[in-house]
Amino acid sequence: MARVPAVQTQSAPAGSAIYLRCFPYDMWSMNGHRWALCDYARQLGLPEPAVFCDNGVRAGSPLPRFEGLAEKEPPEYRRCR
């Protein structure tokens, strides 16, 4: 009987996600950070990351984008380009 591997690997690289939070509100939506992290993902050969951003939200408040990331909901994200 042939043995089946317990873990199967995928040929495509895994995706990645970026989480950004800034308080007070950042009118540029942390574009510099987002672009730098997206560029780094490209350098690593990863697909374009999903971006989750809680802009203008205090750490002690509900963090809807972070919660979506933590719950692995389908991301509503902005493209890095």
PDB file of N, CA and C in Angstrom:
ATOM      1  N   MET A   1       0.834  -1.171   0.000  1.00  0.00           N
ATOM      2  CA  MET A   1       0.000   0.000   0.000  1.00  0.00           C
ATOM      3  C   MET A   1       0.889   1.247   0.000  1.00  0.00           C
ATOM      4  N   ALA A   2       0.581   2.186  -0.891  1.00  0.00           N
ATOM      5  CA  ALA A   2       1.373   3.416  -0.989  1.00  0.00           C
ATOM      6  C   ALA A   2       1.018   4.362   0.154  1.00  0.00           C
ATOM      7  N   ARG A   3       2.019   5.058   0.646  1.00  0.00           N
ATOM      8  CA  ARG A   3       1.801   6.026   1.724  1.00  0.00           C
ATOM      9  C   ARG A   3       1.463   7.381   1.127  1.00  0.00           C
ATOM     10  N   VAL A   4       0.483   8.022   1.680  1.00  0.00           N
ATOM     11  CA  VAL A   4       0.072   9.359   1.246  1.00  0.00           C
ATOM     12  C   VAL A   4       0.678  10.368   2.199  1.00  0.00           C
ATOM     13  N   PRO A   5       1.327  11.417   1.665  1.00  0.00           N
ATOM     14  CA  PRO A   5       1.922  12.410   2.572  1.00  0.00           C
ATOM     15  C   PRO A   5       0.846  13.095   3.407  1.00  0.00           C
ATOM     16  N   ALA A   6       1.168  13.362   4.672  1.00  0.00           N
ATOM     17  CA  ALA A   6       0.213  14.004   5.585  1.00  0.00           C
ATOM     18  C   ALA A   6      -0.044  15.452   5.202  1.00  0.00           C
ATOM     19  N   VAL A   7       0.960  16.114   4.660  1.00  0.00           N
ATOM     20  CA  VAL A   7       0.828  17.520   4.287  1.00  0.00           C
ATOM     21  C   VAL A   7       1.124  17.641   2.803  1.00  0.00           C
ATOM     22  N   GLN A   8       0.214  18.278   2.102  1.00  0.00           N
ATOM     23  CA  GLN A   8       0.443  18.523   0.683  1.00  0.00           C
ATOM     24  C   GLN A   8       0.883  19.968   0.507  1.00  0.00           C
ATOM     25  N   THR A   9       1.873  20.168  -0.323  1.00  0.00           N
ATOM     26  CA  THR A   9       2.359  21.521  -0.565  1.00  0.00           C
ATOM     27  C   THR A   9       1.744  22.062  -1.841  1.00  0.00           C
ATOM     28  N   GLN A  10       1.620  23.367  -1.902  1.00  0.00           N
ATOM     29  CA  GLN A  10       1.094  24.024  -3.096  1.00  0.00           C
ATOM     30  C   GLN A  10       2.261  24.542  -3.908  1.00  0.00           C
ATOM     31  N   SER A  11       2.094  24.582  -5.219  1.00  0.00           N
ATOM     32  CA  SER A  11       3.176  25.080  -6.057  1.00  0.00           C
ATOM     33  C   SER A  11       3.221  26.599  -6.066  1.00  0.00           C
ATOM     34  N   ALA A  12       2.080  27.256  -5.848  1.00  0.00           N
ATOM     35  CA  ALA A  12       2.047  28.717  -5.822  1.00  0.00           C
ATOM     36  C   ALA A  12       2.393  29.211  -4.417  1.00  0.00           C
ATOM     37  N   PRO A  13       3.098  30.359  -4.324  1.00  0.00           N
ATOM     38  CA  PRO A  13       3.421  30.879  -3.000  1.00  0.00           C
ATOM     39  C   PRO A  13       2.160  31.316  -2.262  1.00  0.00           C
ATOM     40  N   ALA A  14       2.203  31.216  -0.951  1.00  0.00           N
ATOM     41  CA  ALA A  14       1.069  31.627  -0.124  1.00  0.00           C
ATOM     42  C   ALA A  14       0.902  33.142  -0.195  1.00  0.00           C
ATOM     43  N   GLY A  15      -0.304  33.591   0.031  1.00  0.00           N
ATOM     44  CA  GLY A  15      -0.573  35.025   0.042  1.00  0.00           C
ATOM     45  C   GLY A  15      -0.135  35.643   1.357  1.00  0.00           C
ATOM     46  N   SER A  16      -0.270  36.933   1.430  1.00  0.00           N
ATOM     47  CA  SER A  16       0.093  37.635   2.648  1.00  0.00           C
ATOM     48  C   SER A  16      -0.923  38.738   2.898  1.00  0.00           C
ATOM     49  N   ALA A  17      -0.882  39.264   4.092  1.00  0.00           N
ATOM     50  CA  ALA A  17      -1.786  40.351   4.470  1.00  0.00           C
ATOM     51  C   ALA A  17      -0.981  41.426   5.194  1.00  0.00           C
ATOM     52  N   ILE A  18      -1.448  42.636   5.078  1.00  0.00           N
ATOM     53  CA  ILE A  18      -0.842  43.781   5.753  1.00  0.00           C
ATOM     54  C   ILE A  18      -1.914  44.375   6.650  1.00  0.00           C
ATOM     55  N   TYR A  19      -1.571  44.624   7.909  1.00  0.00           N
ATOM     56  CA  TYR A  19      -2.491  45.324   8.802  1.00  0.00           C
ATOM     57  C   TYR A  19      -1.843  46.623   9.241  1.00  0.00           C
ATOM     58  N   LEU A  20      -2.553  47.726   9.030  1.00  0.00           N
ATOM     59  CA  LEU A  20      -2.068  49.049   9.418  1.00  0.00           C
ATOM     60  C   LEU A  20      -3.115  49.724  10.291  1.00  0.00           C
ATOM     61  N   ARG A  21      -2.649  50.391  11.350  1.00  0.00           N
ATOM     62  CA  ARG A  21      -3.535  51.174  12.203  1.00  0.00           C
ATOM     63  C   ARG A  21      -2.822  52.447  12.590  1.00  0.00           C
ATOM     64  N   CYS A  22      -3.535  53.538  12.509  1.00  0.00           N
ATOM     65  CA  CYS A  22      -2.951  54.823  12.867  1.00  0.00           C
ATOM     66  C   CYS A  22      -3.972  55.634  13.645  1.00  0.00           C
ATOM     67  N   PHE A  23      -3.524  56.237  14.736  1.00  0.00           N
ATOM     68  CA  PHE A  23      -4.343  57.183  15.482  1.00  0.00           C
ATOM     69  C   PHE A  23      -3.450  58.342  15.853  1.00  0.00           C
ATOM     70  N   PRO A  24      -3.832  59.564  15.595  1.00  0.00           N
ATOM     71  CA  PRO A  24      -5.090  59.984  14.987  1.00  0.00           C
ATOM     72  C   PRO A  24      -5.140  59.646  13.498  1.00  0.00           C
ATOM     73  N   TYR A  25      -6.273  59.959  12.889  1.00  0.00           N
ATOM     74  CA  TYR A  25      -6.520  59.659  11.478  1.00  0.00           C
ATOM     75  C   TYR A  25      -5.386  60.171  10.604  1.00  0.00           C
ATOM     76  N   ASP A  26      -4.920  59.362   9.677  1.00  0.00           N
ATOM     77  CA  ASP A  26      -3.863  59.737   8.732  1.00  0.00           C
ATOM     78  C   ASP A  26      -4.502  60.026   7.386  1.00  0.00           C
ATOM     79  N   MET A  27      -4.482  61.276   6.968  1.00  0.00           N
ATOM     80  CA  MET A  27      -5.149  61.656   5.719  1.00  0.00           C
ATOM     81  C   MET A  27      -4.547  60.975   4.500  1.00  0.00           C
ATOM     82  N   TRP A  28      -3.328  60.483   4.590  1.00  0.00           N
ATOM     83  CA  TRP A  28      -2.699  59.778   3.460  1.00  0.00           C
ATOM     84  C   TRP A  28      -2.882  58.271   3.580  1.00  0.00           C
ATOM     85  N   SER A  29      -3.634  57.820   4.568  1.00  0.00           N
ATOM     86  CA  SER A  29      -3.928  56.395   4.779  1.00  0.00           C
ATOM     87  C   SER A  29      -2.673  55.537   4.834  1.00  0.00           C
ATOM     88  N   MET A  30      -1.602  56.095   5.354  1.00  0.00           N
ATOM     89  CA  MET A  30      -0.350  55.360   5.526  1.00  0.00           C
ATOM     90  C   MET A  30       0.168  54.783   4.210  1.00  0.00           C
ATOM     91  N   ASN A  31      -0.027  55.525   3.133  1.00  0.00           N
ATOM     92  CA  ASN A  31       0.378  55.052   1.800  1.00  0.00           C
ATOM     93  C   ASN A  31       1.838  54.644   1.735  1.00  0.00           C
ATOM     94  N   GLY A  32       2.720  55.417   2.346  1.00  0.00           N
ATOM     95  CA  GLY A  32       4.149  55.081   2.301  1.00  0.00           C
ATOM     96  C   GLY A  32       4.432  53.713   2.900  1.00  0.00           C
ATOM     97  N   HIS A  33       3.821  53.423   4.037  1.00  0.00           N
ATOM     98  CA  HIS A  33       4.004  52.114   4.684  1.00  0.00           C
ATOM     99  C   HIS A  33       3.421  51.009   3.810  1.00  0.00           C
ATOM    100  N   ARG A  34       2.220  51.265   3.290  1.00  0.00           N
ATOM    101  CA  ARG A  34       1.543  50.255   2.463  1.00  0.00           C
ATOM    102  C   ARG A  34       2.364  49.948   1.215  1.00  0.00           C
ATOM    103  N   TRP A  35       2.827  50.987   0.529  1.00  0.00           N
ATOM    104  CA  TRP A  35       3.606  50.770  -0.692  1.00  0.00           C
ATOM    105  C   TRP A  35       4.906  50.031  -0.394  1.00  0.00           C
ATOM    106  N   ALA A  36       5.569  50.398   0.701  1.00  0.00           N
ATOM    107  CA  ALA A  36       6.829  49.728   1.049  1.00  0.00           C
ATOM    108  C   ALA A  36       6.588  48.238   1.342  1.00  0.00           C
ATOM    109  N   LEU A  37       5.529  47.916   2.082  1.00  0.00           N
ATOM    110  CA  LEU A  37       5.248  46.517   2.399  1.00  0.00           C
ATOM    111  C   LEU A  37       4.808  45.735   1.168  1.00  0.00           C
ATOM    112  N   CYS A  38       4.051  46.359   0.280  1.00  0.00           N
ATOM    113  CA  CYS A  38       3.653  45.689  -0.959  1.00  0.00           C
ATOM    114  C   CYS A  38       4.860  45.422  -1.848  1.00  0.00           C
ATOM    115  N   ASP A  39       5.766  46.381  -1.896  1.00  0.00           N
ATOM    116  CA  ASP A  39       6.989  46.203  -2.677  1.00  0.00           C
ATOM    117  C   ASP A  39       7.835  45.066  -2.092  1.00  0.00           C
ATOM    118  N   TYR A  40       7.904  44.996  -0.787  1.00  0.00           N
ATOM    119  CA  TYR A  40       8.656  43.924  -0.135  1.00  0.00           C
ATOM    120  C   TYR A  40       8.052  42.557  -0.451  1.00  0.00           C
ATOM    121  N   ALA A  41       6.728  42.481  -0.448  1.00  0.00           N
ATOM    122  CA  ALA A  41       6.069  41.215  -0.803  1.00  0.00           C
ATOM    123  C   ALA A  41       6.427  40.813  -2.234  1.00  0.00           C
ATOM    124  N   ARG A  42       6.439  41.784  -3.150  1.00  0.00           N
ATOM    125  CA  ARG A  42       6.823  41.481  -4.544  1.00  0.00           C
ATOM    126  C   ARG A  42       8.260  40.986  -4.615  1.00  0.00           C
ATOM    127  N   GLN A  43       9.154  41.620  -3.839  1.00  0.00           N
ATOM    128  CA  GLN A  43      10.553  41.185  -3.830  1.00  0.00           C
ATOM    129  C   GLN A  43      10.688  39.748  -3.331  1.00  0.00           C
ATOM    130  N   LEU A  44       9.810  39.355  -2.422  1.00  0.00           N
ATOM    131  CA  LEU A  44       9.832  37.985  -1.900  1.00  0.00           C
ATOM    132  C   LEU A  44       9.133  36.996  -2.822  1.00  0.00           C
ATOM    133  N   GLY A  45       8.534  37.508  -3.898  1.00  0.00           N
ATOM    134  CA  GLY A  45       7.843  36.640  -4.838  1.00  0.00           C
ATOM    135  C   GLY A  45       6.450  36.240  -4.383  1.00  0.00           C
ATOM    136  N   LEU A  46       5.876  36.997  -3.440  1.00  0.00           N
ATOM    137  CA  LEU A  46       4.530  36.711  -2.951  1.00  0.00           C
ATOM    138  C   LEU A  46       3.495  37.414  -3.810  1.00  0.00           C
ATOM    139  N   PRO A  47       2.283  36.884  -3.859  1.00  0.00           N
ATOM    140  CA  PRO A  47       1.208  37.596  -4.561  1.00  0.00           C
ATOM    141  C   PRO A  47       0.920  38.919  -3.854  1.00  0.00           C
ATOM    142  N   GLU A  48       0.196  39.776  -4.530  1.00  0.00           N
ATOM    143  CA  GLU A  48      -0.142  41.071  -3.940  1.00  0.00           C
ATOM    144  C   GLU A  48      -0.897  40.864  -2.635  1.00  0.00           C
ATOM    145  N   PRO A  49      -0.425  41.482  -1.544  1.00  0.00           N
ATOM    146  CA  PRO A  49      -1.070  41.254  -0.247  1.00  0.00           C
ATOM    147  C   PRO A  49      -2.418  41.951  -0.123  1.00  0.00           C
ATOM    148  N   ALA A  50      -3.265  41.391   0.711  1.00  0.00           N
ATOM    149  CA  ALA A  50      -4.510  42.053   1.097  1.00  0.00           C
ATOM    150  C   ALA A  50      -4.151  43.101   2.143  1.00  0.00           C
ATOM    151  N   VAL A  51      -4.741  44.273   2.046  1.00  0.00           N
ATOM    152  CA  VAL A  51      -4.437  45.359   2.980  1.00  0.00           C
ATOM    153  C   VAL A  51      -5.645  45.608   3.870  1.00  0.00           C
ATOM    154  N   PHE A  52      -5.428  45.518   5.174  1.00  0.00           N
ATOM    155  CA  PHE A  52      -6.451  45.801   6.170  1.00  0.00           C
ATOM    156  C   PHE A  52      -6.004  47.047   6.926  1.00  0.00           C
ATOM    157  N   CYS A  53      -6.854  48.060   6.991  1.00  0.00           N
ATOM    158  CA  CYS A  53      -6.444  49.330   7.581  1.00  0.00           C
ATOM    159  C   CYS A  53      -7.535  49.870   8.497  1.00  0.00           C
ATOM    160  N   ASP A  54      -7.209  50.049   9.767  1.00  0.00           N
ATOM    161  CA  ASP A  54      -8.078  50.732  10.717  1.00  0.00           C
ATOM    162  C   ASP A  54      -7.475  52.117  10.926  1.00  0.00           C
ATOM    163  N   ASN A  55      -7.899  53.063  10.121  1.00  0.00           N
ATOM    164  CA  ASN A  55      -7.329  54.409  10.129  1.00  0.00           C
ATOM    165  C   ASN A  55      -8.136  55.304  11.063  1.00  0.00           C
ATOM    166  N   GLY A  56      -7.469  55.909  12.035  1.00  0.00           N
ATOM    167  CA  GLY A  56      -8.128  56.805  12.972  1.00  0.00           C
ATOM    168  C   GLY A  56      -8.814  56.091  14.116  1.00  0.00           C
ATOM    169  N   VAL A  57      -8.475  54.835  14.348  1.00  0.00           N
ATOM    170  CA  VAL A  57      -9.128  54.041  15.385  1.00  0.00           C
ATOM    171  C   VAL A  57      -8.151  53.813  16.538  1.00  0.00           C
ATOM    172  N   ARG A  58      -8.611  54.100  17.746  1.00  0.00           N
ATOM    173  CA  ARG A  58      -7.779  53.866  18.929  1.00  0.00           C
ATOM    174  C   ARG A  58      -7.611  52.365  19.184  1.00  0.00           C
ATOM    175  N   ALA A  59      -6.516  52.006  19.814  1.00  0.00           N
ATOM    176  CA  ALA A  59      -6.232  50.596  20.090  1.00  0.00           C
ATOM    177  C   ALA A  59      -7.271  49.973  21.007  1.00  0.00           C
ATOM    178  N   GLY A  60      -7.841  50.720  21.934  1.00  0.00           N
ATOM    179  CA  GLY A  60      -8.821  50.175  22.856  1.00  0.00           C
ATOM    180  C   GLY A  60     -10.218  50.080  22.278  1.00  0.00           C
ATOM    181  N   SER A  61     -10.423  50.635  21.091  1.00  0.00           N
ATOM    182  CA  SER A  61     -11.726  50.609  20.429  1.00  0.00           C
ATOM    183  C   SER A  61     -11.856  49.337  19.602  1.00  0.00           C
ATOM    184  N   PRO A  62     -13.079  49.024  19.155  1.00  0.00           N
ATOM    185  CA  PRO A  62     -13.210  47.905  18.215  1.00  0.00           C
ATOM    186  C   PRO A  62     -12.375  48.171  16.959  1.00  0.00           C
ATOM    187  N   LEU A  63     -11.720  47.148  16.479  1.00  0.00           N
ATOM    188  CA  LEU A  63     -10.857  47.235  15.297  1.00  0.00           C
ATOM    189  C   LEU A  63     -11.452  46.348  14.206  1.00  0.00           C
ATOM    190  N   PRO A  64     -12.403  46.873  13.422  1.00  0.00           N
ATOM    191  CA  PRO A  64     -13.125  46.021  12.468  1.00  0.00           C
ATOM    192  C   PRO A  64     -12.244  45.352  11.414  1.00  0.00           C
ATOM    193  N   ARG A  65     -11.275  46.061  10.859  1.00  0.00           N
ATOM    194  CA  ARG A  65     -10.406  45.442   9.840  1.00  0.00           C
ATOM    195  C   ARG A  65      -9.515  44.386  10.468  1.00  0.00           C
ATOM    196  N   PHE A  66      -9.004  44.644  11.675  1.00  0.00           N
ATOM    197  CA  PHE A  66      -8.176  43.650  12.351  1.00  0.00           C
ATOM    198  C   PHE A  66      -8.993  42.406  12.674  1.00  0.00           C
ATOM    199  N   GLU A  67     -10.214  42.627  13.157  1.00  0.00           N
ATOM    200  CA  GLU A  67     -11.076  41.493  13.473  1.00  0.00           C
ATOM    201  C   GLU A  67     -11.382  40.680  12.220  1.00  0.00           C
ATOM    202  N   GLY A  68     -11.585  41.357  11.083  1.00  0.00           N
ATOM    203  CA  GLY A  68     -11.802  40.648   9.824  1.00  0.00           C
ATOM    204  C   GLY A  68     -10.596  39.827   9.428  1.00  0.00           C
ATOM    205  N   LEU A  69      -9.422  40.379   9.637  1.00  0.00           N
ATOM    206  CA  LEU A  69      -8.190  39.640   9.334  1.00  0.00           C
ATOM    207  C   LEU A  69      -8.054  38.446  10.273  1.00  0.00           C
ATOM    208  N   ALA A  70      -8.305  38.670  11.557  1.00  0.00           N
ATOM    209  CA  ALA A  70      -8.157  37.596  12.536  1.00  0.00           C
ATOM    210  C   ALA A  70      -9.174  36.481  12.310  1.00  0.00           C
ATOM    211  N   GLU A  71     -10.356  36.833  11.819  1.00  0.00           N
ATOM    212  CA  GLU A  71     -11.389  35.832  11.563  1.00  0.00           C
ATOM    213  C   GLU A  71     -11.270  35.220  10.174  1.00  0.00           C
ATOM    214  N   LYS A  72     -10.322  35.700   9.390  1.00  0.00           N
ATOM    215  CA  LYS A  72     -10.073  35.216   8.031  1.00  0.00           C
ATOM    216  C   LYS A  72     -11.292  35.379   7.137  1.00  0.00           C
ATOM    217  N   GLU A  73     -11.958  36.521   7.275  1.00  0.00           N
ATOM    218  CA  GLU A  73     -13.064  36.840   6.385  1.00  0.00           C
ATOM    219  C   GLU A  73     -12.492  37.236   5.035  1.00  0.00           C
ATOM    220  N   PRO A  74     -13.287  37.125   3.971  1.00  0.00           N
ATOM    221  CA  PRO A  74     -12.799  37.607   2.681  1.00  0.00           C
ATOM    222  C   PRO A  74     -12.441  39.082   2.798  1.00  0.00           C
ATOM    223  N   PRO A  75     -11.239  39.456   2.431  1.00  0.00           N
ATOM    224  CA  PRO A  75     -10.806  40.835   2.647  1.00  0.00           C
ATOM    225  C   PRO A  75     -11.443  41.829   1.685  1.00  0.00           C
ATOM    226  N   GLU A  76     -11.832  42.952   2.221  1.00  0.00           N
ATOM    227  CA  GLU A  76     -12.169  44.120   1.417  1.00  0.00           C
ATOM    228  C   GLU A  76     -10.910  44.967   1.475  1.00  0.00           C
ATOM    229  N   TYR A  77     -10.142  44.975   0.430  1.00  0.00           N
ATOM    230  CA  TYR A  77      -8.844  45.625   0.510  1.00  0.00           C
ATOM    231  C   TYR A  77      -8.599  46.492  -0.713  1.00  0.00           C
ATOM    232  N   ARG A  78      -7.634  47.351  -0.546  1.00  0.00           N
ATOM    233  CA  ARG A  78      -7.189  48.211  -1.636  1.00  0.00           C
ATOM    234  C   ARG A  78      -5.957  47.582  -2.287  1.00  0.00           C
ATOM    235  N   ARG A  79      -5.883  47.715  -3.565  1.00  0.00           N
ATOM    236  CA  ARG A  79      -4.699  47.219  -4.282  1.00  0.00           C
ATOM    237  C   ARG A  79      -3.499  48.072  -3.898  1.00  0.00           C
ATOM    238  N   CYS A  80      -2.331  47.479  -3.957  1.00  0.00           N
ATOM    239  CA  CYS A  80      -1.113  48.191  -3.574  1.00  0.00           C
ATOM    240  C   CYS A  80      -0.663  49.184  -4.641  1.00  0.00           C
ATOM    241  N   ARG A  81      -1.064  48.965  -5.841  1.00  0.00           N
ATOM    242  CA  ARG A  81      -0.576  49.813  -6.934  1.00  0.00           C
ATOM    243  C   ARG A  81      -1.214  51.176  -6.931  1.00  0.00           C
TER     244      ARG A  81
END
